[in-house]
Amino acid sequence: TIEARAKKLYSKIEPHIFEKFSVAIKDSFAQTGSGALPLEKIPSKAMTFKAQKTGPEKFAAHLRHADPPVMGYIKNDEFCLDLRTVDDEQVQQLAEAVNSYKL
């Protein structure tokens, strides 16, 4: 279901985003808790955005200031959105936040 959600999000990304980023769906790991089980990893899927001309920081900041805010992480110079905790109903909102990036 996470991979299907990732593919659904991918299909909603507008062309101007693909002009700025290499976008991919990759295997990832989500971590449970930060107290009792900080090392427990759960297989997941992440959508990654690798900027073609700049680093990932501006894109991450843009999404943090979206309404609602979108939180991801930066790894290997890519901005990553883990889709494990995204509900199917939130995919459209997430796509709108991603597509609103114009810089």
N, C-alpha and C. Protein backbone atom coordinates (compact mmCIF):
# COMPACT_ATOMS: atom_id res chain seq x y z
N THR A 1 0.82 -1.21 0.00
CA THR A 1 0.00 0.00 0.00
C THR A 1 0.85 1.26 0.00
N ILE A 2 2.03 1.20 0.63
CA ILE A 2 2.90 2.39 0.64
C ILE A 2 3.43 2.67 -0.76
N GLU A 3 3.79 1.61 -1.47
CA GLU A 3 4.29 1.80 -2.84
C GLU A 3 3.18 2.35 -3.74
N ALA A 4 1.96 1.87 -3.59
CA ALA A 4 0.83 2.39 -4.38
C ALA A 4 0.61 3.86 -4.07
N ARG A 5 0.73 4.23 -2.82
CA ARG A 5 0.57 5.63 -2.41
C ARG A 5 1.67 6.48 -3.05
N ALA A 6 2.90 5.97 -3.06
CA ALA A 6 4.02 6.69 -3.67
C ALA A 6 3.79 6.88 -5.17
N LYS A 7 3.30 5.86 -5.83
CA LYS A 7 3.03 5.97 -7.27
C LYS A 7 1.91 6.96 -7.55
N LYS A 8 0.92 6.98 -6.67
CA LYS A 8 -0.18 7.94 -6.82
C LYS A 8 0.34 9.37 -6.69
N LEU A 9 1.20 9.61 -5.69
CA LEU A 9 1.79 10.93 -5.52
C LEU A 9 2.65 11.28 -6.73
N TYR A 10 3.46 10.36 -7.18
CA TYR A 10 4.32 10.59 -8.34
C TYR A 10 3.51 11.03 -9.56
N SER A 11 2.36 10.41 -9.75
CA SER A 11 1.51 10.73 -10.91
C SER A 11 0.90 12.12 -10.82
N LYS A 12 0.87 12.71 -9.63
CA LYS A 12 0.28 14.03 -9.43
C LYS A 12 1.30 15.17 -9.48
N ILE A 13 2.57 14.82 -9.60
CA ILE A 13 3.61 15.85 -9.65
C ILE A 13 3.60 16.51 -11.02
N GLU A 14 3.63 17.85 -11.00
CA GLU A 14 3.54 18.62 -12.24
C GLU A 14 4.90 18.69 -12.95
N PRO A 15 4.87 18.90 -14.28
CA PRO A 15 6.11 18.91 -15.07
C PRO A 15 7.18 19.88 -14.57
N HIS A 16 6.79 21.05 -14.06
CA HIS A 16 7.82 22.01 -13.63
C HIS A 16 8.66 21.47 -12.48
N ILE A 17 8.14 20.54 -11.70
CA ILE A 17 8.93 19.93 -10.63
C ILE A 17 9.97 18.98 -11.22
N PHE A 18 9.58 18.23 -12.25
CA PHE A 18 10.51 17.32 -12.91
C PHE A 18 11.61 18.09 -13.64
N GLU A 19 11.36 19.35 -13.99
CA GLU A 19 12.39 20.17 -14.62
C GLU A 19 13.45 20.60 -13.61
N LYS A 20 13.08 20.69 -12.34
CA LYS A 20 13.99 21.14 -11.29
C LYS A 20 14.65 20.01 -10.51
N PHE A 21 13.99 18.84 -10.47
CA PHE A 21 14.44 17.75 -9.63
C PHE A 21 14.43 16.42 -10.38
N SER A 22 15.35 15.56 -9.98
CA SER A 22 15.23 14.15 -10.33
C SER A 22 14.37 13.56 -9.22
N VAL A 23 13.23 13.00 -9.59
CA VAL A 23 12.27 12.47 -8.62
C VAL A 23 12.24 10.96 -8.76
N ALA A 24 12.31 10.26 -7.62
CA ALA A 24 12.31 8.80 -7.64
C ALA A 24 11.57 8.27 -6.42
N ILE A 25 11.13 7.03 -6.54
CA ILE A 25 10.57 6.30 -5.42
C ILE A 25 11.62 5.27 -5.02
N LYS A 26 12.04 5.31 -3.77
CA LYS A 26 13.11 4.43 -3.31
C LYS A 26 12.70 3.68 -2.05
N ASP A 27 13.32 2.53 -1.86
CA ASP A 27 13.15 1.82 -0.60
C ASP A 27 13.75 2.66 0.51
N SER A 28 13.10 2.64 1.65
CA SER A 28 13.62 3.37 2.81
C SER A 28 13.24 2.61 4.07
N PHE A 29 13.63 3.16 5.19
CA PHE A 29 13.27 2.60 6.49
C PHE A 29 12.73 3.71 7.37
N ALA A 30 11.60 3.45 7.99
CA ALA A 30 11.07 4.35 9.00
C ALA A 30 11.54 3.83 10.35
N GLN A 31 11.73 4.74 11.29
CA GLN A 31 12.14 4.33 12.64
C GLN A 31 10.99 4.50 13.60
N THR A 32 10.82 3.53 14.47
CA THR A 32 9.79 3.64 15.49
C THR A 32 10.34 4.36 16.70
N GLY A 33 9.49 5.13 17.33
CA GLY A 33 9.82 5.79 18.58
C GLY A 33 11.22 6.35 18.68
N SER A 34 11.44 7.17 19.66
CA SER A 34 12.79 7.66 19.88
C SER A 34 13.26 7.30 21.28
N GLY A 35 12.39 6.65 22.02
CA GLY A 35 12.74 6.30 23.39
C GLY A 35 13.03 4.83 23.54
N ALA A 36 11.97 4.02 23.58
CA ALA A 36 12.12 2.60 23.88
C ALA A 36 12.73 1.80 22.73
N LEU A 37 12.42 2.15 21.49
CA LEU A 37 12.90 1.36 20.35
C LEU A 37 13.57 2.25 19.30
N PRO A 38 14.56 3.03 19.64
CA PRO A 38 15.12 3.96 18.66
C PRO A 38 15.84 3.29 17.50
N LEU A 39 16.16 2.03 17.62
CA LEU A 39 16.90 1.35 16.56
C LEU A 39 16.01 0.45 15.71
N GLU A 40 14.74 0.32 16.04
CA GLU A 40 13.82 -0.53 15.29
C GLU A 40 13.51 0.14 13.95
N LYS A 41 13.80 -0.56 12.85
CA LYS A 41 13.55 -0.01 11.51
C LYS A 41 12.46 -0.80 10.83
N ILE A 42 11.56 -0.08 10.16
CA ILE A 42 10.44 -0.69 9.46
C ILE A 42 10.60 -0.38 7.97
N PRO A 43 10.58 -1.37 7.09
CA PRO A 43 10.68 -1.10 5.65
C PRO A 43 9.58 -0.15 5.19
N SER A 44 9.95 0.77 4.31
CA SER A 44 9.01 1.77 3.82
C SER A 44 9.40 2.18 2.40
N LYS A 45 8.75 3.20 1.91
CA LYS A 45 9.07 3.81 0.61
C LYS A 45 9.18 5.30 0.82
N ALA A 46 10.12 5.92 0.13
CA ALA A 46 10.28 7.37 0.18
C ALA A 46 10.29 7.93 -1.23
N MET A 47 9.71 9.09 -1.39
CA MET A 47 9.85 9.82 -2.64
C MET A 47 11.02 10.76 -2.45
N THR A 48 11.98 10.71 -3.36
CA THR A 48 13.18 11.52 -3.23
C THR A 48 13.22 12.58 -4.31
N PHE A 49 13.75 13.74 -3.93
CA PHE A 49 13.87 14.88 -4.84
C PHE A 49 15.32 15.34 -4.80
N LYS A 50 16.02 15.17 -5.91
CA LYS A 50 17.41 15.62 -6.01
C LYS A 50 17.43 16.84 -6.93
N ALA A 51 17.74 17.98 -6.35
CA ALA A 51 17.76 19.22 -7.11
C ALA A 51 18.85 19.17 -8.17
N GLN A 52 18.53 19.66 -9.36
CA GLN A 52 19.49 19.61 -10.45
C GLN A 52 20.51 20.75 -10.39
N LYS A 53 20.14 21.87 -9.73
CA LYS A 53 21.05 23.01 -9.71
C LYS A 53 21.43 23.49 -8.31
N THR A 54 20.65 23.13 -7.29
CA THR A 54 20.92 23.59 -5.94
C THR A 54 20.84 22.40 -4.99
N GLY A 55 21.12 22.63 -3.74
CA GLY A 55 20.95 21.59 -2.73
C GLY A 55 19.49 21.45 -2.35
N PRO A 56 19.18 20.53 -1.46
CA PRO A 56 17.80 20.25 -1.09
C PRO A 56 17.22 21.18 -0.03
N GLU A 57 18.04 22.07 0.53
CA GLU A 57 17.61 22.86 1.68
C GLU A 57 16.45 23.81 1.37
N LYS A 58 16.48 24.47 0.21
CA LYS A 58 15.40 25.41 -0.13
C LYS A 58 14.07 24.69 -0.30
N PHE A 59 14.12 23.54 -0.92
CA PHE A 59 12.89 22.76 -1.12
C PHE A 59 12.35 22.30 0.24
N ALA A 60 13.23 21.84 1.12
CA ALA A 60 12.82 21.40 2.46
C ALA A 60 12.19 22.56 3.22
N ALA A 61 12.79 23.73 3.15
CA ALA A 61 12.25 24.90 3.85
C ALA A 61 10.88 25.29 3.27
N HIS A 62 10.75 25.24 1.96
CA HIS A 62 9.47 25.54 1.33
C HIS A 62 8.37 24.62 1.87
N LEU A 63 8.64 23.34 1.92
CA LEU A 63 7.63 22.39 2.38
C LEU A 63 7.33 22.54 3.87
N ARG A 64 8.32 22.89 4.66
CA ARG A 64 8.08 23.12 6.09
C ARG A 64 7.13 24.29 6.31
N HIS A 65 7.13 25.25 5.38
CA HIS A 65 6.27 26.43 5.49
C HIS A 65 4.95 26.28 4.74
N ALA A 66 4.70 25.12 4.20
CA ALA A 66 3.43 24.86 3.50
C ALA A 66 2.30 24.79 4.53
N ASP A 67 1.07 24.82 4.05
CA ASP A 67 -0.09 24.70 4.94
C ASP A 67 -0.93 23.52 4.48
N PRO A 68 -0.85 22.39 5.16
CA PRO A 68 -0.12 22.12 6.39
C PRO A 68 1.36 21.89 6.10
N PRO A 69 2.21 22.06 7.12
CA PRO A 69 3.65 21.83 6.94
C PRO A 69 3.94 20.39 6.53
N VAL A 70 4.95 20.23 5.69
CA VAL A 70 5.38 18.91 5.24
C VAL A 70 6.80 18.69 5.74
N MET A 71 6.98 17.62 6.48
CA MET A 71 8.29 17.32 7.06
C MET A 71 8.91 16.13 6.33
N GLY A 72 10.16 16.28 6.01
CA GLY A 72 10.91 15.20 5.39
C GLY A 72 12.30 15.18 6.00
N TYR A 73 13.23 14.58 5.29
CA TYR A 73 14.62 14.56 5.76
C TYR A 73 15.54 14.60 4.56
N ILE A 74 16.76 15.02 4.82
CA ILE A 74 17.77 15.11 3.76
C ILE A 74 18.78 13.99 3.97
N LYS A 75 19.01 13.24 2.90
CA LYS A 75 19.97 12.14 2.92
C LYS A 75 20.64 12.06 1.56
N ASN A 76 21.95 11.98 1.55
CA ASN A 76 22.72 11.88 0.30
C ASN A 76 22.35 13.00 -0.67
N ASP A 77 22.20 14.21 -0.15
CA ASP A 77 21.91 15.40 -0.94
C ASP A 77 20.55 15.33 -1.66
N GLU A 78 19.63 14.53 -1.12
CA GLU A 78 18.28 14.43 -1.64
C GLU A 78 17.29 14.76 -0.53
N PHE A 79 16.19 15.42 -0.89
CA PHE A 79 15.11 15.61 0.06
C PHE A 79 14.21 14.38 -0.05
N CYS A 80 13.90 13.77 1.09
CA CYS A 80 13.15 12.52 1.13
C CYS A 80 11.84 12.68 1.89
N LEU A 81 10.77 12.16 1.31
CA LEU A 81 9.47 12.12 1.97
C LEU A 81 9.10 10.66 2.18
N ASP A 82 9.15 10.21 3.43
CA ASP A 82 8.74 8.84 3.72
C ASP A 82 7.22 8.80 3.71
N LEU A 83 6.65 7.85 2.99
CA LEU A 83 5.20 7.81 2.80
C LEU A 83 4.49 6.85 3.75
N ARG A 84 5.20 6.28 4.71
CA ARG A 84 4.57 5.36 5.66
C ARG A 84 3.46 6.03 6.45
N THR A 85 3.63 7.27 6.86
CA THR A 85 2.64 7.92 7.72
C THR A 85 1.70 8.85 6.96
N VAL A 86 1.73 8.79 5.64
CA VAL A 86 0.81 9.60 4.83
C VAL A 86 -0.42 8.76 4.53
N ASP A 87 -1.59 9.29 4.85
CA ASP A 87 -2.84 8.61 4.53
C ASP A 87 -3.17 8.82 3.05
N ASP A 88 -3.93 7.91 2.48
CA ASP A 88 -4.35 8.05 1.08
C ASP A 88 -5.05 9.37 0.84
N GLU A 89 -5.82 9.83 1.84
CA GLU A 89 -6.56 11.07 1.71
C GLU A 89 -5.64 12.30 1.71
N GLN A 90 -4.41 12.14 2.14
CA GLN A 90 -3.46 13.25 2.22
C GLN A 90 -2.58 13.38 0.98
N VAL A 91 -2.66 12.44 0.07
CA VAL A 91 -1.79 12.46 -1.10
C VAL A 91 -2.02 13.72 -1.94
N GLN A 92 -3.26 14.12 -2.13
CA GLN A 92 -3.54 15.31 -2.92
C GLN A 92 -2.96 16.56 -2.26
N GLN A 93 -3.11 16.69 -0.95
CA GLN A 93 -2.53 17.84 -0.24
C GLN A 93 -1.01 17.85 -0.36
N LEU A 94 -0.42 16.70 -0.26
CA LEU A 94 1.03 16.59 -0.38
C LEU A 94 1.48 16.98 -1.79
N ALA A 95 0.74 16.52 -2.79
CA ALA A 95 1.07 16.89 -4.18
C ALA A 95 0.95 18.40 -4.37
N GLU A 96 -0.08 19.00 -3.80
CA GLU A 96 -0.24 20.45 -3.93
C GLU A 96 0.92 21.21 -3.28
N ALA A 97 1.38 20.73 -2.14
CA ALA A 97 2.53 21.37 -1.48
C ALA A 97 3.78 21.25 -2.36
N VAL A 98 4.02 20.07 -2.88
CA VAL A 98 5.20 19.86 -3.75
C VAL A 98 5.08 20.73 -4.99
N ASN A 99 3.93 20.73 -5.62
CA ASN A 99 3.74 21.46 -6.87
C ASN A 99 3.77 22.98 -6.70
N SER A 100 3.58 23.45 -5.47
CA SER A 100 3.59 24.89 -5.24
C SER A 100 5.01 25.49 -5.24
N TYR A 101 6.01 24.63 -5.30
CA TYR A 101 7.41 25.09 -5.33
C TYR A 101 7.69 25.71 -6.69
N LYS A 102 8.06 26.98 -6.70
CA LYS A 102 8.27 27.69 -7.97
C LYS A 102 9.67 28.24 -8.14
N LEU A 103 10.53 28.15 -7.12
CA LEU A 103 11.87 28.76 -7.22
C LEU A 103 12.78 28.02 -8.16
